[in-house]
Amino acid sequence: MRKRSLRIQVWVNQEEDRKLQKHAQQSGLSREAYLRSLINGYVPKTLPPLDYYTMLRELHAIGNNLNQLAAKAHVTGHLEHASFQREADALRCAVQRIQEAVTSPEPHTPPS
């Protein structure tokens, strides 16, 4: 059984349809889901860059490694400086790559 029992049909021109298609595609939603979000007071965000999830996994892995080093240091009273430095450097590099991916300008592509 359908969750939604009412159908609404809306007429749009080609430009409005093009904009709706573009915005829905950028958000990763269907046109219907995009419109329902707008009706419910939410403007869907565009999908993050493709490597966003890869970067996020990398940050989680580095965080886990640092947490393990901290736990070991707490138990033994000794911090493995080389391991800690390696993970801290990896974290700095990952953060720098994320900043570049998010803030670096992209080439301008004229509208089609």
N, C-alpha and C. Protein backbone atom coordinates (compact mmCIF):
# COMPACT_ATOMS: atom_id res chain seq x y z
N MET A 1 0.83 -1.18 0.00
CA MET A 1 0.00 0.00 0.00
C MET A 1 0.88 1.25 0.00
N ARG A 2 0.47 2.25 -0.76
CA ARG A 2 1.23 3.49 -0.84
C ARG A 2 1.13 4.28 0.45
N LYS A 3 2.23 4.97 0.79
CA LYS A 3 2.22 5.87 1.93
C LYS A 3 1.52 7.18 1.57
N ARG A 4 1.56 7.51 0.30
CA ARG A 4 0.97 8.77 -0.17
C ARG A 4 -0.20 8.44 -1.09
N SER A 5 -1.36 8.95 -0.75
CA SER A 5 -2.55 8.58 -1.52
C SER A 5 -3.01 9.67 -2.48
N LEU A 6 -2.40 10.85 -2.42
CA LEU A 6 -2.81 11.95 -3.29
C LEU A 6 -1.77 12.20 -4.36
N ARG A 7 -2.25 12.40 -5.56
CA ARG A 7 -1.35 12.70 -6.68
C ARG A 7 -1.59 14.15 -7.09
N ILE A 8 -0.49 14.88 -7.27
CA ILE A 8 -0.57 16.27 -7.71
C ILE A 8 0.17 16.37 -9.04
N GLN A 9 -0.48 16.95 -10.00
CA GLN A 9 0.14 17.13 -11.31
C GLN A 9 0.39 18.62 -11.50
N VAL A 10 1.61 18.97 -11.87
CA VAL A 10 1.97 20.37 -12.05
C VAL A 10 2.55 20.55 -13.45
N TRP A 11 2.11 21.59 -14.12
CA TRP A 11 2.63 21.90 -15.43
C TRP A 11 3.79 22.88 -15.29
N VAL A 12 4.89 22.58 -15.97
CA VAL A 12 6.06 23.45 -15.96
C VAL A 12 6.53 23.67 -17.39
N ASN A 13 7.30 24.75 -17.58
CA ASN A 13 7.86 24.96 -18.91
C ASN A 13 9.21 24.25 -18.98
N GLN A 14 9.85 24.30 -20.15
CA GLN A 14 11.12 23.57 -20.34
C GLN A 14 12.21 24.07 -19.39
N GLU A 15 12.29 25.37 -19.19
CA GLU A 15 13.32 25.94 -18.31
C GLU A 15 13.10 25.48 -16.87
N GLU A 16 11.88 25.49 -16.41
CA GLU A 16 11.58 25.03 -15.04
C GLU A 16 11.89 23.55 -14.89
N ASP A 17 11.57 22.77 -15.90
CA ASP A 17 11.87 21.34 -15.87
C ASP A 17 13.38 21.10 -15.84
N ARG A 18 14.11 21.88 -16.64
CA ARG A 18 15.57 21.75 -16.67
C ARG A 18 16.15 22.06 -15.29
N LYS A 19 15.67 23.13 -14.66
CA LYS A 19 16.16 23.51 -13.33
C LYS A 19 15.82 22.44 -12.29
N LEU A 20 14.60 21.92 -12.35
CA LEU A 20 14.19 20.87 -11.40
C LEU A 20 15.07 19.64 -11.57
N GLN A 21 15.27 19.22 -12.81
CA GLN A 21 16.14 18.06 -13.09
C GLN A 21 17.54 18.29 -12.53
N LYS A 22 18.09 19.47 -12.80
CA LYS A 22 19.46 19.80 -12.38
C LYS A 22 19.58 19.77 -10.86
N HIS A 23 18.65 20.44 -10.16
CA HIS A 23 18.73 20.50 -8.70
C HIS A 23 18.52 19.12 -8.07
N ALA A 24 17.58 18.35 -8.61
CA ALA A 24 17.34 17.01 -8.08
C ALA A 24 18.57 16.12 -8.27
N GLN A 25 19.16 16.20 -9.46
CA GLN A 25 20.34 15.39 -9.75
C GLN A 25 21.51 15.78 -8.85
N GLN A 26 21.71 17.08 -8.64
CA GLN A 26 22.80 17.54 -7.78
C GLN A 26 22.62 17.07 -6.34
N SER A 27 21.39 16.90 -5.91
CA SER A 27 21.13 16.46 -4.54
C SER A 27 21.10 14.95 -4.41
N GLY A 28 21.06 14.25 -5.54
CA GLY A 28 21.01 12.79 -5.50
C GLY A 28 19.61 12.26 -5.25
N LEU A 29 18.61 13.13 -5.36
CA LEU A 29 17.22 12.73 -5.12
C LEU A 29 16.47 12.64 -6.44
N SER A 30 15.35 11.93 -6.40
CA SER A 30 14.45 11.95 -7.55
C SER A 30 13.76 13.31 -7.57
N ARG A 31 13.13 13.63 -8.69
CA ARG A 31 12.41 14.90 -8.77
C ARG A 31 11.31 14.96 -7.71
N GLU A 32 10.63 13.83 -7.53
CA GLU A 32 9.54 13.78 -6.56
C GLU A 32 10.05 13.98 -5.14
N ALA A 33 11.14 13.30 -4.79
CA ALA A 33 11.70 13.43 -3.45
C ALA A 33 12.23 14.84 -3.22
N TYR A 34 12.81 15.43 -4.26
CA TYR A 34 13.31 16.80 -4.16
C TYR A 34 12.16 17.76 -3.86
N LEU A 35 11.06 17.63 -4.60
CA LEU A 35 9.89 18.49 -4.40
C LEU A 35 9.27 18.28 -3.01
N ARG A 36 9.19 17.01 -2.56
CA ARG A 36 8.65 16.75 -1.22
C ARG A 36 9.51 17.41 -0.14
N SER A 37 10.83 17.39 -0.32
CA SER A 37 11.71 18.06 0.64
C SER A 37 11.41 19.55 0.70
N LEU A 38 11.25 20.17 -0.46
CA LEU A 38 10.93 21.60 -0.51
C LEU A 38 9.59 21.88 0.17
N ILE A 39 8.60 21.05 -0.10
CA ILE A 39 7.28 21.22 0.51
C ILE A 39 7.37 21.14 2.03
N ASN A 40 8.23 20.26 2.53
CA ASN A 40 8.39 20.08 3.97
C ASN A 40 9.34 21.09 4.61
N GLY A 41 9.78 22.08 3.83
CA GLY A 41 10.58 23.16 4.39
C GLY A 41 12.08 22.92 4.40
N TYR A 42 12.55 21.95 3.61
CA TYR A 42 13.98 21.65 3.55
C TYR A 42 14.49 21.88 2.14
N VAL A 43 15.63 22.52 2.04
CA VAL A 43 16.29 22.67 0.74
C VAL A 43 17.41 21.64 0.71
N PRO A 44 17.29 20.62 -0.12
CA PRO A 44 18.32 19.57 -0.16
C PRO A 44 19.68 20.14 -0.56
N LYS A 45 20.71 19.64 0.10
CA LYS A 45 22.08 20.04 -0.23
C LYS A 45 22.57 19.23 -1.42
N THR A 46 23.57 19.78 -2.09
CA THR A 46 24.19 19.03 -3.18
C THR A 46 25.01 17.90 -2.58
N LEU A 47 25.18 16.86 -3.35
CA LEU A 47 25.99 15.72 -2.90
C LEU A 47 27.43 16.16 -2.68
N PRO A 48 28.12 15.60 -1.69
CA PRO A 48 29.52 15.93 -1.50
C PRO A 48 30.36 15.37 -2.64
N PRO A 49 31.60 15.86 -2.79
CA PRO A 49 32.47 15.32 -3.84
C PRO A 49 32.64 13.81 -3.69
N LEU A 50 32.95 13.14 -4.78
CA LEU A 50 33.06 11.68 -4.77
C LEU A 50 34.07 11.17 -3.75
N ASP A 51 35.17 11.90 -3.56
CA ASP A 51 36.19 11.41 -2.63
C ASP A 51 35.90 11.80 -1.17
N TYR A 52 34.76 12.41 -0.90
CA TYR A 52 34.40 12.80 0.47
C TYR A 52 34.38 11.58 1.40
N TYR A 53 33.73 10.50 0.97
CA TYR A 53 33.60 9.32 1.83
C TYR A 53 34.95 8.63 2.02
N THR A 54 35.78 8.65 1.01
CA THR A 54 37.13 8.10 1.14
C THR A 54 37.92 8.88 2.17
N MET A 55 37.83 10.21 2.08
CA MET A 55 38.54 11.06 3.04
C MET A 55 38.00 10.86 4.45
N LEU A 56 36.70 10.71 4.57
CA LEU A 56 36.10 10.49 5.88
C LEU A 56 36.57 9.18 6.49
N ARG A 57 36.62 8.11 5.68
CA ARG A 57 37.13 6.82 6.19
C ARG A 57 38.58 6.94 6.63
N GLU A 58 39.37 7.69 5.87
CA GLU A 58 40.78 7.88 6.22
C GLU A 58 40.90 8.61 7.56
N LEU A 59 40.10 9.63 7.77
CA LEU A 59 40.14 10.35 9.04
C LEU A 59 39.72 9.44 10.20
N HIS A 60 38.70 8.61 9.98
CA HIS A 60 38.28 7.67 11.03
C HIS A 60 39.41 6.70 11.37
N ALA A 61 40.09 6.20 10.35
CA ALA A 61 41.19 5.26 10.58
C ALA A 61 42.32 5.92 11.37
N ILE A 62 42.66 7.15 11.01
CA ILE A 62 43.72 7.88 11.73
C ILE A 62 43.29 8.12 13.16
N GLY A 63 42.03 8.51 13.36
CA GLY A 63 41.51 8.73 14.71
C GLY A 63 41.56 7.47 15.55
N ASN A 64 41.21 6.33 14.95
CA ASN A 64 41.29 5.05 15.67
C ASN A 64 42.73 4.74 16.06
N ASN A 65 43.67 4.96 15.13
CA ASN A 65 45.08 4.71 15.44
C ASN A 65 45.57 5.59 16.58
N LEU A 66 45.20 6.87 16.54
CA LEU A 66 45.61 7.77 17.62
C LEU A 66 44.97 7.36 18.94
N ASN A 67 43.73 6.91 18.90
CA ASN A 67 43.07 6.45 20.12
C ASN A 67 43.76 5.22 20.70
N GLN A 68 44.17 4.29 19.84
CA GLN A 68 44.88 3.10 20.30
C GLN A 68 46.22 3.47 20.93
N LEU A 69 46.93 4.43 20.30
CA LEU A 69 48.20 4.88 20.87
C LEU A 69 47.99 5.54 22.23
N ALA A 70 46.93 6.33 22.35
CA ALA A 70 46.64 6.99 23.62
C ALA A 70 46.29 5.97 24.69
N ALA A 71 45.50 4.96 24.34
CA ALA A 71 45.12 3.93 25.30
C ALA A 71 46.36 3.15 25.76
N LYS A 72 47.23 2.83 24.81
CA LYS A 72 48.47 2.11 25.16
C LYS A 72 49.36 2.97 26.05
N ALA A 73 49.45 4.26 25.73
CA ALA A 73 50.26 5.17 26.55
C ALA A 73 49.70 5.28 27.96
N HIS A 74 48.38 5.26 28.08
CA HIS A 74 47.75 5.34 29.39
C HIS A 74 48.07 4.10 30.23
N VAL A 75 48.04 2.93 29.60
CA VAL A 75 48.29 1.67 30.31
C VAL A 75 49.77 1.53 30.67
N THR A 76 50.64 1.81 29.71
CA THR A 76 52.07 1.57 29.94
C THR A 76 52.79 2.77 30.53
N GLY A 77 52.20 3.95 30.43
CA GLY A 77 52.88 5.15 30.90
C GLY A 77 53.95 5.62 29.92
N HIS A 78 53.94 5.06 28.72
CA HIS A 78 54.95 5.40 27.72
C HIS A 78 54.27 5.62 26.37
N LEU A 79 54.61 6.73 25.71
CA LEU A 79 54.06 7.04 24.40
C LEU A 79 55.09 6.71 23.33
N GLU A 80 54.70 5.94 22.33
CA GLU A 80 55.58 5.65 21.22
C GLU A 80 55.62 6.88 20.33
N HIS A 81 56.64 7.71 20.50
CA HIS A 81 56.71 8.99 19.81
C HIS A 81 56.73 8.84 18.30
N ALA A 82 57.44 7.85 17.78
CA ALA A 82 57.52 7.68 16.32
C ALA A 82 56.15 7.34 15.74
N SER A 83 55.43 6.42 16.38
CA SER A 83 54.10 6.05 15.91
C SER A 83 53.14 7.23 16.00
N PHE A 84 53.21 7.95 17.13
CA PHE A 84 52.34 9.10 17.32
C PHE A 84 52.63 10.16 16.27
N GLN A 85 53.91 10.43 16.01
CA GLN A 85 54.29 11.45 15.03
C GLN A 85 53.81 11.06 13.64
N ARG A 86 53.93 9.77 13.30
CA ARG A 86 53.49 9.28 12.00
C ARG A 86 51.98 9.51 11.83
N GLU A 87 51.20 9.19 12.84
CA GLU A 87 49.75 9.38 12.77
C GLU A 87 49.37 10.86 12.77
N ALA A 88 50.08 11.66 13.55
CA ALA A 88 49.81 13.10 13.56
C ALA A 88 50.12 13.71 12.19
N ASP A 89 51.19 13.27 11.56
CA ASP A 89 51.53 13.75 10.22
C ASP A 89 50.47 13.32 9.20
N ALA A 90 50.00 12.07 9.33
CA ALA A 90 48.96 11.58 8.43
C ALA A 90 47.68 12.40 8.60
N LEU A 91 47.37 12.75 9.83
CA LEU A 91 46.19 13.57 10.10
C LEU A 91 46.34 14.95 9.48
N ARG A 92 47.49 15.57 9.65
CA ARG A 92 47.72 16.89 9.05
C ARG A 92 47.58 16.83 7.52
N CYS A 93 48.15 15.81 6.90
CA CYS A 93 48.06 15.66 5.44
C CYS A 93 46.61 15.46 5.00
N ALA A 94 45.88 14.64 5.73
CA ALA A 94 44.48 14.38 5.37
C ALA A 94 43.65 15.65 5.49
N VAL A 95 43.85 16.40 6.54
CA VAL A 95 43.12 17.64 6.72
C VAL A 95 43.46 18.63 5.60
N GLN A 96 44.73 18.69 5.24
CA GLN A 96 45.15 19.59 4.16
C GLN A 96 44.49 19.19 2.84
N ARG A 97 44.44 17.88 2.54
CA ARG A 97 43.80 17.42 1.30
C ARG A 97 42.31 17.75 1.29
N ILE A 98 41.68 17.62 2.45
CA ILE A 98 40.25 17.93 2.54
C ILE A 98 40.03 19.43 2.32
N GLN A 99 40.88 20.24 2.94
CA GLN A 99 40.75 21.69 2.75
C GLN A 99 40.92 22.06 1.29
N GLU A 100 41.90 21.47 0.63
CA GLU A 100 42.13 21.76 -0.79
C GLU A 100 40.94 21.30 -1.63
N ALA A 101 40.39 20.13 -1.32
CA ALA A 101 39.26 19.61 -2.09
C ALA A 101 38.03 20.49 -1.93
N VAL A 102 37.87 21.06 -0.75
CA VAL A 102 36.67 21.85 -0.48
C VAL A 102 36.83 23.31 -0.90
N THR A 103 38.03 23.87 -0.74
CA THR A 103 38.19 25.31 -0.96
C THR A 103 38.88 25.68 -2.27
N SER A 104 39.51 24.74 -2.93
CA SER A 104 40.20 25.08 -4.19
C SER A 104 39.19 25.46 -5.25
N PRO A 105 39.48 26.54 -5.99
CA PRO A 105 38.55 26.92 -7.05
C PRO A 105 38.50 25.86 -8.15
N GLU A 106 37.34 25.74 -8.75
CA GLU A 106 37.16 24.79 -9.85
C GLU A 106 37.02 25.60 -11.13
N PRO A 107 37.39 25.01 -12.25
CA PRO A 107 37.25 25.72 -13.51
C PRO A 107 35.80 26.07 -13.79
N HIS A 108 35.59 27.21 -14.34
CA HIS A 108 34.25 27.67 -14.66
C HIS A 108 33.78 26.99 -15.94
N THR A 109 32.59 26.43 -15.87
CA THR A 109 32.01 25.85 -17.08
C THR A 109 30.77 26.68 -17.41
N PRO A 110 30.72 27.24 -18.61
CA PRO A 110 29.57 28.07 -18.97
C PRO A 110 28.30 27.25 -18.98
N PRO A 111 27.17 27.88 -18.61
CA PRO A 111 25.91 27.13 -18.59
C PRO A 111 25.53 26.65 -19.98
N SER A 112 24.92 25.49 -20.02
CA SER A 112 24.53 24.94 -21.33
C SER A 112 23.10 25.27 -21.66
